[in-house]
Structure formats: structure tokens, C-alpha cells
Amino acid sequence: MGAGVIVGISVFVVIALIAVVVAVAVVASVSSVETRDGEGEKE
């Protein structure tokens, strides 16, 4: 029972960290795009 909970929490933490990193990257890219063009998407 304990191991499953630990794994679940670990997976959740990893996903949360990735989500934060992606959000920061998106905000940074959107800010730079707004400064240059105002519209446009890069992948």
C-alpha cells in the first residue's frame, strides 16, 4: 500500500514540475512573440 502511494505522489510531482516548466516556456515564448510580431506560433 505504501509503495503505490509513493509512486503515485512521485508521478504527480513529476507531472506538476513538467507542467510548470511548460507553462514558463509558453509564457516566455508568448512574451517574445508579442514583442516582435504580436501573433505567431513556433514549435
PDB file of N, CA and C in Angstrom:
ATOM      1  N   MET A   1       0.847  -1.196   0.000  1.00  0.00           N
ATOM      2  CA  MET A   1       0.000   0.000   0.000  1.00  0.00           C
ATOM      3  C   MET A   1       0.888   1.254   0.000  1.00  0.00           C
ATOM      4  N   GLY A   2       1.927   1.259   0.815  1.00  0.00           N
ATOM      5  CA  GLY A   2       2.790   2.431   0.897  1.00  0.00           C
ATOM      6  C   GLY A   2       3.515   2.712  -0.412  1.00  0.00           C
ATOM      7  N   ALA A   3       4.018   1.638  -1.036  1.00  0.00           N
ATOM      8  CA  ALA A   3       4.789   1.834  -2.274  1.00  0.00           C
ATOM      9  C   ALA A   3       3.914   2.457  -3.353  1.00  0.00           C
ATOM     10  N   GLY A   4       2.695   1.997  -3.494  1.00  0.00           N
ATOM     11  CA  GLY A   4       1.803   2.542  -4.516  1.00  0.00           C
ATOM     12  C   GLY A   4       1.548   4.015  -4.296  1.00  0.00           C
ATOM     13  N   VAL A   5       1.346   4.393  -3.043  1.00  0.00           N
ATOM     14  CA  VAL A   5       1.093   5.807  -2.737  1.00  0.00           C
ATOM     15  C   VAL A   5       2.320   6.635  -3.085  1.00  0.00           C
ATOM     16  N   ILE A   6       3.505   6.135  -2.722  1.00  0.00           N
ATOM     17  CA  ILE A   6       4.745   6.870  -3.005  1.00  0.00           C
ATOM     18  C   ILE A   6       4.911   7.039  -4.510  1.00  0.00           C
ATOM     19  N   VAL A   7       4.682   5.968  -5.272  1.00  0.00           N
ATOM     20  CA  VAL A   7       4.820   6.051  -6.732  1.00  0.00           C
ATOM     21  C   VAL A   7       3.819   7.053  -7.290  1.00  0.00           C
ATOM     22  N   GLY A   8       2.598   6.998  -6.814  1.00  0.00           N
ATOM     23  CA  GLY A   8       1.573   7.918  -7.302  1.00  0.00           C
ATOM     24  C   GLY A   8       1.956   9.361  -7.037  1.00  0.00           C
ATOM     25  N   ILE A   9       2.429   9.635  -5.819  1.00  0.00           N
ATOM     26  CA  ILE A   9       2.834  11.002  -5.481  1.00  0.00           C
ATOM     27  C   ILE A   9       4.013  11.417  -6.338  1.00  0.00           C
ATOM     28  N   SER A  10       4.966  10.514  -6.523  1.00  0.00           N
ATOM     29  CA  SER A  10       6.153  10.844  -7.332  1.00  0.00           C
ATOM     30  C   SER A  10       5.741  11.197  -8.756  1.00  0.00           C
ATOM     31  N   VAL A  11       4.852  10.394  -9.342  1.00  0.00           N
ATOM     32  CA  VAL A  11       4.384  10.662 -10.705  1.00  0.00           C
ATOM     33  C   VAL A  11       3.682  12.016 -10.757  1.00  0.00           C
ATOM     34  N   PHE A  12       2.845  12.278  -9.753  1.00  0.00           N
ATOM     35  CA  PHE A  12       2.120  13.552  -9.718  1.00  0.00           C
ATOM     36  C   PHE A  12       3.094  14.715  -9.627  1.00  0.00           C
ATOM     37  N   VAL A  13       4.121  14.589  -8.788  1.00  0.00           N
ATOM     38  CA  VAL A  13       5.106  15.665  -8.624  1.00  0.00           C
ATOM     39  C   VAL A  13       5.848  15.900  -9.932  1.00  0.00           C
ATOM     40  N   VAL A  14       6.252  14.814 -10.593  1.00  0.00           N
ATOM     41  CA  VAL A  14       6.982  14.950 -11.864  1.00  0.00           C
ATOM     42  C   VAL A  14       6.107  15.654 -12.902  1.00  0.00           C
ATOM     43  N   ILE A  15       4.844  15.236 -12.990  1.00  0.00           N
ATOM     44  CA  ILE A  15       3.933  15.855 -13.959  1.00  0.00           C
ATOM     45  C   ILE A  15       3.740  17.333 -13.617  1.00  0.00           C
ATOM     46  N   ALA A  16       3.613  17.636 -12.331  1.00  0.00           N
ATOM     47  CA  ALA A  16       3.427  19.030 -11.918  1.00  0.00           C
ATOM     48  C   ALA A  16       4.644  19.856 -12.297  1.00  0.00           C
ATOM     49  N   LEU A  17       5.841  19.314 -12.067  1.00  0.00           N
ATOM     50  CA  LEU A  17       7.061  20.049 -12.414  1.00  0.00           C
ATOM     51  C   LEU A  17       7.123  20.301 -13.912  1.00  0.00           C
ATOM     52  N   ILE A  18       6.805  19.260 -14.702  1.00  0.00           N
ATOM     53  CA  ILE A  18       6.827  19.412 -16.159  1.00  0.00           C
ATOM     54  C   ILE A  18       5.808  20.480 -16.580  1.00  0.00           C
ATOM     55  N   ALA A  19       4.640  20.455 -15.966  1.00  0.00           N
ATOM     56  CA  ALA A  19       3.609  21.438 -16.310  1.00  0.00           C
ATOM     57  C   ALA A  19       4.094  22.850 -16.018  1.00  0.00           C
ATOM     58  N   VAL A  20       4.787  23.021 -14.887  1.00  0.00           N
ATOM     59  CA  VAL A  20       5.307  24.350 -14.538  1.00  0.00           C
ATOM     60  C   VAL A  20       6.344  24.789 -15.562  1.00  0.00           C
ATOM     61  N   VAL A  21       7.246  23.881 -15.931  1.00  0.00           N
ATOM     62  CA  VAL A  21       8.290  24.214 -16.905  1.00  0.00           C
ATOM     63  C   VAL A  21       7.657  24.588 -18.244  1.00  0.00           C
ATOM     64  N   VAL A  22       6.667  23.801 -18.673  1.00  0.00           N
ATOM     65  CA  VAL A  22       5.999  24.088 -19.946  1.00  0.00           C
ATOM     66  C   VAL A  22       5.295  25.436 -19.875  1.00  0.00           C
ATOM     67  N   ALA A  23       4.628  25.709 -18.753  1.00  0.00           N
ATOM     68  CA  ALA A  23       3.920  26.985 -18.609  1.00  0.00           C
ATOM     69  C   ALA A  23       4.894  28.150 -18.691  1.00  0.00           C
ATOM     70  N   VAL A  24       6.028  28.025 -18.018  1.00  0.00           N
ATOM     71  CA  VAL A  24       7.027  29.101 -18.055  1.00  0.00           C
ATOM     72  C   VAL A  24       7.541  29.280 -19.480  1.00  0.00           C
ATOM     73  N   ALA A  25       7.803  28.185 -20.172  1.00  0.00           N
ATOM     74  CA  ALA A  25       8.309  28.262 -21.546  1.00  0.00           C
ATOM     75  C   ALA A  25       7.272  28.925 -22.459  1.00  0.00           C
ATOM     76  N   VAL A  26       6.006  28.562 -22.274  1.00  0.00           N
ATOM     77  CA  VAL A  26       4.945  29.147 -23.105  1.00  0.00           C
ATOM     78  C   VAL A  26       4.835  30.640 -22.840  1.00  0.00           C
ATOM     79  N   VAL A  27       4.854  31.028 -21.577  1.00  0.00           N
ATOM     80  CA  VAL A  27       4.758  32.448 -21.234  1.00  0.00           C
ATOM     81  C   VAL A  27       5.941  33.203 -21.830  1.00  0.00           C
ATOM     82  N   ALA A  28       7.136  32.631 -21.732  1.00  0.00           N
ATOM     83  CA  ALA A  28       8.326  33.296 -22.271  1.00  0.00           C
ATOM     84  C   ALA A  28       8.216  33.440 -23.784  1.00  0.00           C
ATOM     85  N   SER A  29       7.787  32.385 -24.449  1.00  0.00           N
ATOM     86  CA  SER A  29       7.686  32.441 -25.912  1.00  0.00           C
ATOM     87  C   SER A  29       6.587  33.410 -26.337  1.00  0.00           C
ATOM     88  N   VAL A  30       5.487  33.416 -25.619  1.00  0.00           N
ATOM     89  CA  VAL A  30       4.395  34.333 -25.952  1.00  0.00           C
ATOM     90  C   VAL A  30       4.858  35.774 -25.759  1.00  0.00           C
ATOM     91  N   SER A  31       5.604  36.022 -24.682  1.00  0.00           N
ATOM     92  CA  SER A  31       6.082  37.378 -24.425  1.00  0.00           C
ATOM     93  C   SER A  31       7.007  37.823 -25.552  1.00  0.00           C
ATOM     94  N   SER A  32       7.926  36.965 -25.951  1.00  0.00           N
ATOM     95  CA  SER A  32       8.871  37.336 -27.004  1.00  0.00           C
ATOM     96  C   SER A  32       8.135  37.504 -28.335  1.00  0.00           C
ATOM     97  N   VAL A  33       7.139  36.671 -28.599  1.00  0.00           N
ATOM     98  CA  VAL A  33       6.379  36.776 -29.847  1.00  0.00           C
ATOM     99  C   VAL A  33       5.603  38.093 -29.851  1.00  0.00           C
ATOM    100  N   GLU A  34       4.986  38.440 -28.727  1.00  0.00           N
ATOM    101  CA  GLU A  34       4.225  39.686 -28.654  1.00  0.00           C
ATOM    102  C   GLU A  34       5.138  40.875 -28.901  1.00  0.00           C
ATOM    103  N   THR A  35       6.360  40.802 -28.392  1.00  0.00           N
ATOM    104  CA  THR A  35       7.291  41.916 -28.556  1.00  0.00           C
ATOM    105  C   THR A  35       7.637  42.084 -30.024  1.00  0.00           C
ATOM    106  N   ARG A  36       7.851  40.983 -30.734  1.00  0.00           N
ATOM    107  CA  ARG A  36       8.295  41.069 -32.125  1.00  0.00           C
ATOM    108  C   ARG A  36       7.130  41.312 -33.065  1.00  0.00           C
ATOM    109  N   ASP A  37       6.124  40.435 -33.002  1.00  0.00           N
ATOM    110  CA  ASP A  37       5.123  40.388 -34.072  1.00  0.00           C
ATOM    111  C   ASP A  37       3.724  40.647 -33.524  1.00  0.00           C
ATOM    112  N   GLY A  38       3.402  40.035 -32.406  1.00  0.00           N
ATOM    113  CA  GLY A  38       2.060  40.159 -31.859  1.00  0.00           C
ATOM    114  C   GLY A  38       1.240  38.922 -32.160  1.00  0.00           C
ATOM    115  N   GLU A  39       1.656  38.152 -33.148  1.00  0.00           N
ATOM    116  CA  GLU A  39       0.920  36.934 -33.486  1.00  0.00           C
ATOM    117  C   GLU A  39       1.860  35.982 -34.197  1.00  0.00           C
ATOM    118  N   GLY A  40       1.779  34.695 -33.838  1.00  0.00           N
ATOM    119  CA  GLY A  40       2.640  33.720 -34.480  1.00  0.00           C
ATOM    120  C   GLY A  40       2.959  32.605 -33.522  1.00  0.00           C
ATOM    121  N   GLU A  41       3.191  31.419 -34.076  1.00  0.00           N
ATOM    122  CA  GLU A  41       3.474  30.273 -33.238  1.00  0.00           C
ATOM    123  C   GLU A  41       4.708  29.556 -33.757  1.00  0.00           C
ATOM    124  N   LYS A  42       5.578  29.175 -32.818  1.00  0.00           N
ATOM    125  CA  LYS A  42       6.750  28.379 -33.182  1.00  0.00           C
ATOM    126  C   LYS A  42       6.733  27.118 -32.364  1.00  0.00           C
ATOM    127  N   GLU A  43       7.235  26.035 -32.949  1.00  0.00           N
ATOM    128  CA  GLU A  43       7.206  24.770 -32.233  1.00  0.00           C
ATOM    129  C   GLU A  43       8.579  24.219 -32.043  1.00  0.00           C
TER     130      GLU A  43
END
